[in-house]
Amino acid sequence: MDDKELAELLKYSSSKELYIVTWNNLLKLLFCPFKVKTNHNIGVLKKGQKVMVDEVKVTQELQTVYIIKNKAFYYYHFDIILDN
């Protein structure tokens, strides 16, 4: 995907929202900041640490990235914590 195609796709998205499907197949909209827990040590973050996601971005390859404390981390390093 080139820059023009990516820009066209992203004009319909927001870096402050994330749609997820819950464990019981419900579609839920999360607004930033939302809470996540680390699955393992990554960078300065320790396994089990709870942190807030400030923004959600995508890479050129369409991989979801969380912006946490002004640093980018791939989404698969975290579990989302839902407060009911």
PDB file of N, CA and C in Angstrom:
ATOM      1  N   MET A   1       0.852  -1.172   0.000  1.00  0.00           N
ATOM      2  CA  MET A   1       0.000   0.000   0.000  1.00  0.00           C
ATOM      3  C   MET A   1       0.899   1.236   0.000  1.00  0.00           C
ATOM      4  N   ASP A   2       0.634   2.136  -0.922  1.00  0.00           N
ATOM      5  CA  ASP A   2       1.457   3.348  -0.974  1.00  0.00           C
ATOM      6  C   ASP A   2       0.870   4.437  -0.068  1.00  0.00           C
ATOM      7  N   ASP A   3       1.588   5.545   0.055  1.00  0.00           N
ATOM      8  CA  ASP A   3       1.184   6.629   0.956  1.00  0.00           C
ATOM      9  C   ASP A   3      -0.181   7.203   0.595  1.00  0.00           C
ATOM     10  N   LYS A   4      -0.465   7.320  -0.676  1.00  0.00           N
ATOM     11  CA  LYS A   4      -1.741   7.896  -1.121  1.00  0.00           C
ATOM     12  C   LYS A   4      -2.909   6.989  -0.727  1.00  0.00           C
ATOM     13  N   GLU A   5      -2.762   5.683  -0.925  1.00  0.00           N
ATOM     14  CA  GLU A   5      -3.812   4.737  -0.548  1.00  0.00           C
ATOM     15  C   GLU A   5      -4.026   4.723   0.965  1.00  0.00           C
ATOM     16  N   LEU A   6      -2.939   4.780   1.717  1.00  0.00           N
ATOM     17  CA  LEU A   6      -3.029   4.807   3.172  1.00  0.00           C
ATOM     18  C   LEU A   6      -3.725   6.077   3.645  1.00  0.00           C
ATOM     19  N   ALA A   7      -3.384   7.206   3.077  1.00  0.00           N
ATOM     20  CA  ALA A   7      -4.021   8.477   3.442  1.00  0.00           C
ATOM     21  C   ALA A   7      -5.514   8.438   3.148  1.00  0.00           C
ATOM     22  N   GLU A   8      -5.889   7.847   2.028  1.00  0.00           N
ATOM     23  CA  GLU A   8      -7.308   7.723   1.662  1.00  0.00           C
ATOM     24  C   GLU A   8      -8.051   6.873   2.685  1.00  0.00           C
ATOM     25  N   LEU A   9      -7.460   5.780   3.104  1.00  0.00           N
ATOM     26  CA  LEU A   9      -8.071   4.898   4.089  1.00  0.00           C
ATOM     27  C   LEU A   9      -8.186   5.578   5.457  1.00  0.00           C
ATOM     28  N   LEU A  10      -7.144   6.266   5.875  1.00  0.00           N
ATOM     29  CA  LEU A  10      -7.101   6.850   7.210  1.00  0.00           C
ATOM     30  C   LEU A  10      -7.968   8.089   7.372  1.00  0.00           C
ATOM     31  N   LYS A  11      -8.415   8.683   6.286  1.00  0.00           N
ATOM     32  CA  LYS A  11      -9.249   9.880   6.430  1.00  0.00           C
ATOM     33  C   LYS A  11     -10.611   9.542   7.036  1.00  0.00           C
ATOM     34  N   TYR A  12     -10.961   8.261   7.070  1.00  0.00           N
ATOM     35  CA  TYR A  12     -12.217   7.826   7.671  1.00  0.00           C
ATOM     36  C   TYR A  12     -12.032   7.284   9.087  1.00  0.00           C
ATOM     37  N   SER A  13     -10.850   7.394   9.632  1.00  0.00           N
ATOM     38  CA  SER A  13     -10.590   6.856  10.963  1.00  0.00           C
ATOM     39  C   SER A  13     -10.158   7.957  11.923  1.00  0.00           C
ATOM     40  N   SER A  14     -10.144   7.608  13.205  1.00  0.00           N
ATOM     41  CA  SER A  14      -9.734   8.546  14.243  1.00  0.00           C
ATOM     42  C   SER A  14      -8.666   7.892  15.102  1.00  0.00           C
ATOM     43  N   SER A  15      -7.669   8.646  15.465  1.00  0.00           N
ATOM     44  CA  SER A  15      -6.605   8.112  16.326  1.00  0.00           C
ATOM     45  C   SER A  15      -7.023   8.095  17.794  1.00  0.00           C
ATOM     46  N   LYS A  16      -8.221   8.570  18.085  1.00  0.00           N
ATOM     47  CA  LYS A  16      -8.715   8.619  19.462  1.00  0.00           C
ATOM     48  C   LYS A  16      -9.815   7.595  19.735  1.00  0.00           C
ATOM     49  N   GLU A  17     -10.107   6.716  18.763  1.00  0.00           N
ATOM     50  CA  GLU A  17     -11.145   5.703  18.916  1.00  0.00           C
ATOM     51  C   GLU A  17     -10.648   4.343  18.437  1.00  0.00           C
ATOM     52  N   LEU A  18     -11.178   3.292  19.065  1.00  0.00           N
ATOM     53  CA  LEU A  18     -10.838   1.936  18.652  1.00  0.00           C
ATOM     54  C   LEU A  18     -12.058   1.048  18.839  1.00  0.00           C
ATOM     55  N   TYR A  19     -12.482   0.388  17.772  1.00  0.00           N
ATOM     56  CA  TYR A  19     -13.563  -0.591  17.868  1.00  0.00           C
ATOM     57  C   TYR A  19     -12.955  -1.949  18.188  1.00  0.00           C
ATOM     58  N   ILE A  20     -13.570  -2.640  19.154  1.00  0.00           N
ATOM     59  CA  ILE A  20     -13.120  -3.985  19.515  1.00  0.00           C
ATOM     60  C   ILE A  20     -14.323  -4.920  19.549  1.00  0.00           C
ATOM     61  N   VAL A  21     -14.072  -6.210  19.454  1.00  0.00           N
ATOM     62  CA  VAL A  21     -15.099  -7.226  19.646  1.00  0.00           C
ATOM     63  C   VAL A  21     -14.775  -7.903  20.971  1.00  0.00           C
ATOM     64  N   THR A  22     -15.732  -7.885  21.902  1.00  0.00           N
ATOM     65  CA  THR A  22     -15.512  -8.439  23.231  1.00  0.00           C
ATOM     66  C   THR A  22     -15.568  -9.966  23.194  1.00  0.00           C
ATOM     67  N   TRP A  23     -15.225 -10.593  24.310  1.00  0.00           N
ATOM     68  CA  TRP A  23     -15.193 -12.045  24.412  1.00  0.00           C
ATOM     69  C   TRP A  23     -16.563 -12.661  24.114  1.00  0.00           C
ATOM     70  N   ASN A  24     -17.663 -11.877  24.343  1.00  0.00           N
ATOM     71  CA  ASN A  24     -19.010 -12.398  24.084  1.00  0.00           C
ATOM     72  C   ASN A  24     -19.604 -11.827  22.788  1.00  0.00           C
ATOM     73  N   ASN A  25     -18.719 -11.492  21.855  1.00  0.00           N
ATOM     74  CA  ASN A  25     -19.082 -11.060  20.496  1.00  0.00           C
ATOM     75  C   ASN A  25     -19.895  -9.778  20.412  1.00  0.00           C
ATOM     76  N   LEU A  26     -19.636  -8.839  21.324  1.00  0.00           N
ATOM     77  CA  LEU A  26     -20.262  -7.529  21.256  1.00  0.00           C
ATOM     78  C   LEU A  26     -19.259  -6.532  20.694  1.00  0.00           C
ATOM     79  N   LEU A  27     -19.731  -5.664  19.817  1.00  0.00           N
ATOM     80  CA  LEU A  27     -18.893  -4.611  19.261  1.00  0.00           C
ATOM     81  C   LEU A  27     -18.895  -3.447  20.237  1.00  0.00           C
ATOM     82  N   LYS A  28     -17.716  -2.986  20.604  1.00  0.00           N
ATOM     83  CA  LYS A  28     -17.598  -1.915  21.595  1.00  0.00           C
ATOM     84  C   LYS A  28     -16.635  -0.860  21.076  1.00  0.00           C
ATOM     85  N   LEU A  29     -16.985   0.388  21.302  1.00  0.00           N
ATOM     86  CA  LEU A  29     -16.139   1.506  20.907  1.00  0.00           C
ATOM     87  C   LEU A  29     -15.395   2.022  22.133  1.00  0.00           C
ATOM     88  N   LEU A  30     -14.069   2.032  22.055  1.00  0.00           N
ATOM     89  CA  LEU A  30     -13.241   2.581  23.129  1.00  0.00           C
ATOM     90  C   LEU A  30     -12.751   3.957  22.717  1.00  0.00           C
ATOM     91  N   PHE A  31     -12.711   4.859  23.669  1.00  0.00           N
ATOM     92  CA  PHE A  31     -12.172   6.194  23.443  1.00  0.00           C
ATOM     93  C   PHE A  31     -10.865   6.336  24.211  1.00  0.00           C
ATOM     94  N   CYS A  32      -9.903   6.960  23.600  1.00  0.00           N
ATOM     95  CA  CYS A  32      -8.630   7.211  24.263  1.00  0.00           C
ATOM     96  C   CYS A  32      -8.805   8.330  25.283  1.00  0.00           C
ATOM     97  N   PRO A  33      -8.134   8.212  26.404  1.00  0.00           N
ATOM     98  CA  PRO A  33      -7.228   7.124  26.784  1.00  0.00           C
ATOM     99  C   PRO A  33      -8.007   5.924  27.325  1.00  0.00           C
ATOM    100  N   PHE A  34      -7.508   4.726  27.045  1.00  0.00           N
ATOM    101  CA  PHE A  34      -8.056   3.503  27.625  1.00  0.00           C
ATOM    102  C   PHE A  34      -6.911   2.692  28.214  1.00  0.00           C
ATOM    103  N   LYS A  35      -7.275   1.787  29.138  1.00  0.00           N
ATOM    104  CA  LYS A  35      -6.278   1.062  29.925  1.00  0.00           C
ATOM    105  C   LYS A  35      -5.935  -0.275  29.286  1.00  0.00           C
ATOM    106  N   VAL A  36      -4.631  -0.596  29.283  1.00  0.00           N
ATOM    107  CA  VAL A  36      -4.141  -1.890  28.826  1.00  0.00           C
ATOM    108  C   VAL A  36      -3.139  -2.442  29.832  1.00  0.00           C
ATOM    109  N   LYS A  37      -2.892  -3.746  29.739  1.00  0.00           N
ATOM    110  CA  LYS A  37      -1.902  -4.409  30.596  1.00  0.00           C
ATOM    111  C   LYS A  37      -0.882  -5.086  29.702  1.00  0.00           C
ATOM    112  N   THR A  38       0.388  -4.961  30.039  1.00  0.00           N
ATOM    113  CA  THR A  38       1.453  -5.548  29.224  1.00  0.00           C
ATOM    114  C   THR A  38       1.486  -7.072  29.397  1.00  0.00           C
ATOM    115  N   ASN A  39       1.721  -7.782  28.295  1.00  0.00           N
ATOM    116  CA  ASN A  39       1.815  -9.243  28.322  1.00  0.00           C
ATOM    117  C   ASN A  39       3.206  -9.723  28.718  1.00  0.00           C
ATOM    118  N   HIS A  40       4.206  -8.889  28.506  1.00  0.00           N
ATOM    119  CA  HIS A  40       5.595  -9.224  28.818  1.00  0.00           C
ATOM    120  C   HIS A  40       6.400  -7.928  28.872  1.00  0.00           C
ATOM    121  N   ASN A  41       7.641  -8.015  29.291  1.00  0.00           N
ATOM    122  CA  ASN A  41       8.496  -6.829  29.309  1.00  0.00           C
ATOM    123  C   ASN A  41       8.698  -6.335  27.878  1.00  0.00           C
ATOM    124  N   ILE A  42       8.520  -5.035  27.688  1.00  0.00           N
ATOM    125  CA  ILE A  42       8.751  -4.423  26.379  1.00  0.00           C
ATOM    126  C   ILE A  42       9.241  -3.002  26.607  1.00  0.00           C
ATOM    127  N   GLY A  43      10.455  -2.744  26.154  1.00  0.00           N
ATOM    128  CA  GLY A  43      11.043  -1.420  26.376  1.00  0.00           C
ATOM    129  C   GLY A  43      11.125  -1.126  27.861  1.00  0.00           C
ATOM    130  N   VAL A  44      10.611   0.026  28.258  1.00  0.00           N
ATOM    131  CA  VAL A  44      10.633   0.423  29.668  1.00  0.00           C
ATOM    132  C   VAL A  44       9.440  -0.125  30.442  1.00  0.00           C
ATOM    133  N   LEU A  45       8.509  -0.785  29.762  1.00  0.00           N
ATOM    134  CA  LEU A  45       7.319  -1.334  30.410  1.00  0.00           C
ATOM    135  C   LEU A  45       7.583  -2.754  30.901  1.00  0.00           C
ATOM    136  N   LYS A  46       7.080  -3.044  32.090  1.00  0.00           N
ATOM    137  CA  LYS A  46       7.278  -4.362  32.706  1.00  0.00           C
ATOM    138  C   LYS A  46       6.036  -5.225  32.548  1.00  0.00           C
ATOM    139  N   LYS A  47       6.220  -6.530  32.542  1.00  0.00           N
ATOM    140  CA  LYS A  47       5.114  -7.472  32.416  1.00  0.00           C
ATOM    141  C   LYS A  47       4.073  -7.221  33.508  1.00  0.00           C
ATOM    142  N   GLY A  48       2.798  -7.164  33.107  1.00  0.00           N
ATOM    143  CA  GLY A  48       1.709  -6.951  34.059  1.00  0.00           C
ATOM    144  C   GLY A  48       1.438  -5.500  34.401  1.00  0.00           C
ATOM    145  N   GLN A  49       2.253  -4.602  33.894  1.00  0.00           N
ATOM    146  CA  GLN A  49       2.069  -3.173  34.173  1.00  0.00           C
ATOM    147  C   GLN A  49       0.825  -2.664  33.454  1.00  0.00           C
ATOM    148  N   LYS A  50       0.041  -1.835  34.147  1.00  0.00           N
ATOM    149  CA  LYS A  50      -1.142  -1.223  33.552  1.00  0.00           C
ATOM    150  C   LYS A  50      -0.792   0.195  33.118  1.00  0.00           C
ATOM    151  N   VAL A  51      -1.093   0.505  31.866  1.00  0.00           N
ATOM    152  CA  VAL A  51      -0.780   1.823  31.306  1.00  0.00           C
ATOM    153  C   VAL A  51      -1.969   2.304  30.473  1.00  0.00           C
ATOM    154  N   MET A  52      -1.957   3.587  30.156  1.00  0.00           N
ATOM    155  CA  MET A  52      -3.027   4.190  29.370  1.00  0.00           C
ATOM    156  C   MET A  52      -2.559   4.411  27.936  1.00  0.00           C
ATOM    157  N   VAL A  53      -3.426   4.071  26.988  1.00  0.00           N
ATOM    158  CA  VAL A  53      -3.161   4.296  25.562  1.00  0.00           C
ATOM    159  C   VAL A  53      -3.677   5.690  25.220  1.00  0.00           C
ATOM    160  N   ASP A  54      -2.787   6.545  24.745  1.00  0.00           N
ATOM    161  CA  ASP A  54      -3.153   7.925  24.416  1.00  0.00           C
ATOM    162  C   ASP A  54      -3.716   8.060  23.009  1.00  0.00           C
ATOM    163  N   GLU A  55      -3.213   7.246  22.078  1.00  0.00           N
ATOM    164  CA  GLU A  55      -3.661   7.281  20.692  1.00  0.00           C
ATOM    165  C   GLU A  55      -3.487   5.908  20.062  1.00  0.00           C
ATOM    166  N   VAL A  56      -4.231   5.682  18.979  1.00  0.00           N
ATOM    167  CA  VAL A  56      -4.121   4.444  18.208  1.00  0.00           C
ATOM    168  C   VAL A  56      -3.760   4.828  16.773  1.00  0.00           C
ATOM    169  N   LYS A  57      -2.680   4.262  16.270  1.00  0.00           N
ATOM    170  CA  LYS A  57      -2.211   4.557  14.909  1.00  0.00           C
ATOM    171  C   LYS A  57      -2.071   3.246  14.140  1.00  0.00           C
ATOM    172  N   VAL A  58      -1.789   3.357  12.853  1.00  0.00           N
ATOM    173  CA  VAL A  58      -1.475   2.177  12.044  1.00  0.00           C
ATOM    174  C   VAL A  58      -0.188   2.442  11.273  1.00  0.00           C
ATOM    175  N   THR A  59       0.548   1.371  11.024  1.00  0.00           N
ATOM    176  CA  THR A  59       1.779   1.477  10.258  1.00  0.00           C
ATOM    177  C   THR A  59       1.468   1.412   8.770  1.00  0.00           C
ATOM    178  N   GLN A  60       2.469   1.583   7.958  1.00  0.00           N
ATOM    179  CA  GLN A  60       2.339   1.469   6.504  1.00  0.00           C
ATOM    180  C   GLN A  60       1.813   0.086   6.110  1.00  0.00           C
ATOM    181  N   GLU A  61       2.127  -0.927   6.926  1.00  0.00           N
ATOM    182  CA  GLU A  61       1.692  -2.306   6.665  1.00  0.00           C
ATOM    183  C   GLU A  61       0.352  -2.614   7.329  1.00  0.00           C
ATOM    184  N   LEU A  62      -0.328  -1.584   7.848  1.00  0.00           N
ATOM    185  CA  LEU A  62      -1.633  -1.675   8.505  1.00  0.00           C
ATOM    186  C   LEU A  62      -1.604  -2.455   9.816  1.00  0.00           C
ATOM    187  N   GLN A  63      -0.489  -2.408  10.525  1.00  0.00           N
ATOM    188  CA  GLN A  63      -0.386  -2.971  11.867  1.00  0.00           C
ATOM    189  C   GLN A  63      -0.835  -1.902  12.867  1.00  0.00           C
ATOM    190  N   THR A  64      -1.681  -2.295  13.819  1.00  0.00           N
ATOM    191  CA  THR A  64      -2.154  -1.354  14.840  1.00  0.00           C
ATOM    192  C   THR A  64      -1.049  -1.086  15.846  1.00  0.00           C
ATOM    193  N   VAL A  65      -0.895   0.190  16.189  1.00  0.00           N
ATOM    194  CA  VAL A  65       0.136   0.633  17.123  1.00  0.00           C
ATOM    195  C   VAL A  65      -0.523   1.502  18.188  1.00  0.00           C
ATOM    196  N   TYR A  66      -0.170   1.251  19.459  1.00  0.00           N
ATOM    197  CA  TYR A  66      -0.644   2.081  20.555  1.00  0.00           C
ATOM    198  C   TYR A  66       0.429   3.112  20.886  1.00  0.00           C
ATOM    199  N   ILE A  67       0.022   4.345  21.077  1.00  0.00           N
ATOM    200  CA  ILE A  67       0.923   5.394  21.535  1.00  0.00           C
ATOM    201  C   ILE A  67       0.741   5.510  23.043  1.00  0.00           C
ATOM    202  N   ILE A  68       1.812   5.193  23.771  1.00  0.00           N
ATOM    203  CA  ILE A  68       1.810   5.201  25.235  1.00  0.00           C
ATOM    204  C   ILE A  68       3.006   6.036  25.693  1.00  0.00           C
ATOM    205  N   LYS A  69       2.731   7.100  26.420  1.00  0.00           N
ATOM    206  CA  LYS A  69       3.802   8.001  26.904  1.00  0.00           C
ATOM    207  C   LYS A  69       4.697   8.444  25.753  1.00  0.00           C
ATOM    208  N   ASN A  70       4.070   8.809  24.623  1.00  0.00           N
ATOM    209  CA  ASN A  70       4.749   9.308  23.425  1.00  0.00           C
ATOM    210  C   ASN A  70       5.673   8.288  22.753  1.00  0.00           C
ATOM    211  N   LYS A  71       5.464   7.004  23.039  1.00  0.00           N
ATOM    212  CA  LYS A  71       6.224   5.945  22.375  1.00  0.00           C
ATOM    213  C   LYS A  71       5.238   4.979  21.717  1.00  0.00           C
ATOM    214  N   ALA A  72       5.623   4.420  20.576  1.00  0.00           N
ATOM    215  CA  ALA A  72       4.757   3.517  19.822  1.00  0.00           C
ATOM    216  C   ALA A  72       5.076   2.062  20.159  1.00  0.00           C
ATOM    217  N   PHE A  73       4.019   1.274  20.391  1.00  0.00           N
ATOM    218  CA  PHE A  73       4.141  -0.153  20.682  1.00  0.00           C
ATOM    219  C   PHE A  73       3.091  -0.895  19.866  1.00  0.00           C
ATOM    220  N   TYR A  74       3.441  -2.059  19.307  1.00  0.00           N
ATOM    221  CA  TYR A  74       2.465  -2.877  18.602  1.00  0.00           C
ATOM    222  C   TYR A  74       1.393  -3.360  19.573  1.00  0.00           C
ATOM    223  N   TYR A  75       0.155  -3.423  19.105  1.00  0.00           N
ATOM    224  CA  TYR A  75      -1.001  -3.766  19.924  1.00  0.00           C
ATOM    225  C   TYR A  75      -0.902  -5.145  20.567  1.00  0.00           C
ATOM    226  N   TYR A  76      -0.229  -6.095  19.917  1.00  0.00           N
ATOM    227  CA  TYR A  76      -0.229  -7.477  20.393  1.00  0.00           C
ATOM    228  C   TYR A  76       0.624  -7.693  21.639  1.00  0.00           C
ATOM    229  N   HIS A  77       1.281  -6.647  22.117  1.00  0.00           N
ATOM    230  CA  HIS A  77       2.026  -6.736  23.372  1.00  0.00           C
ATOM    231  C   HIS A  77       1.142  -6.469  24.588  1.00  0.00           C
ATOM    232  N   PHE A  78      -0.168  -6.201  24.353  1.00  0.00           N
ATOM    233  CA  PHE A  78      -1.047  -5.748  25.423  1.00  0.00           C
ATOM    234  C   PHE A  78      -2.386  -6.451  25.408  1.00  0.00           C
ATOM    235  N   ASP A  79      -3.024  -6.489  26.575  1.00  0.00           N
ATOM    236  CA  ASP A  79      -4.423  -6.890  26.717  1.00  0.00           C
ATOM    237  C   ASP A  79      -5.204  -5.657  27.144  1.00  0.00           C
ATOM    238  N   ILE A  80      -6.338  -5.430  26.513  1.00  0.00           N
ATOM    239  CA  ILE A  80      -7.187  -4.292  26.859  1.00  0.00           C
ATOM    240  C   ILE A  80      -7.939  -4.619  28.141  1.00  0.00           C
ATOM    241  N   ILE A  81      -8.001  -3.650  29.037  1.00  0.00           N
ATOM    242  CA  ILE A  81      -8.736  -3.795  30.296  1.00  0.00           C
ATOM    243  C   ILE A  81     -10.048  -3.030  30.153  1.00  0.00           C
ATOM    244  N   LEU A  82     -11.158  -3.782  30.227  1.00  0.00           N
ATOM    245  CA  LEU A  82     -12.480  -3.154  30.131  1.00  0.00           C
ATOM    246  C   LEU A  82     -13.046  -2.959  31.519  1.00  0.00           C
ATOM    247  N   ASP A  83     -13.443  -1.741  31.816  1.00  0.00           N
ATOM    248  CA  ASP A  83     -14.125  -1.450  33.085  1.00  0.00           C
ATOM    249  C   ASP A  83     -15.625  -1.505  32.836  1.00  0.00           C
ATOM    250  N   ASN A  84     -16.312  -2.324  33.592  1.00  0.00           N
ATOM    251  CA  ASN A  84     -17.769  -2.458  33.378  1.00  0.00           C
ATOM    252  C   ASN A  84     -18.544  -1.553  34.279  1.00  0.00           C
TER     253      ASN A  84
END
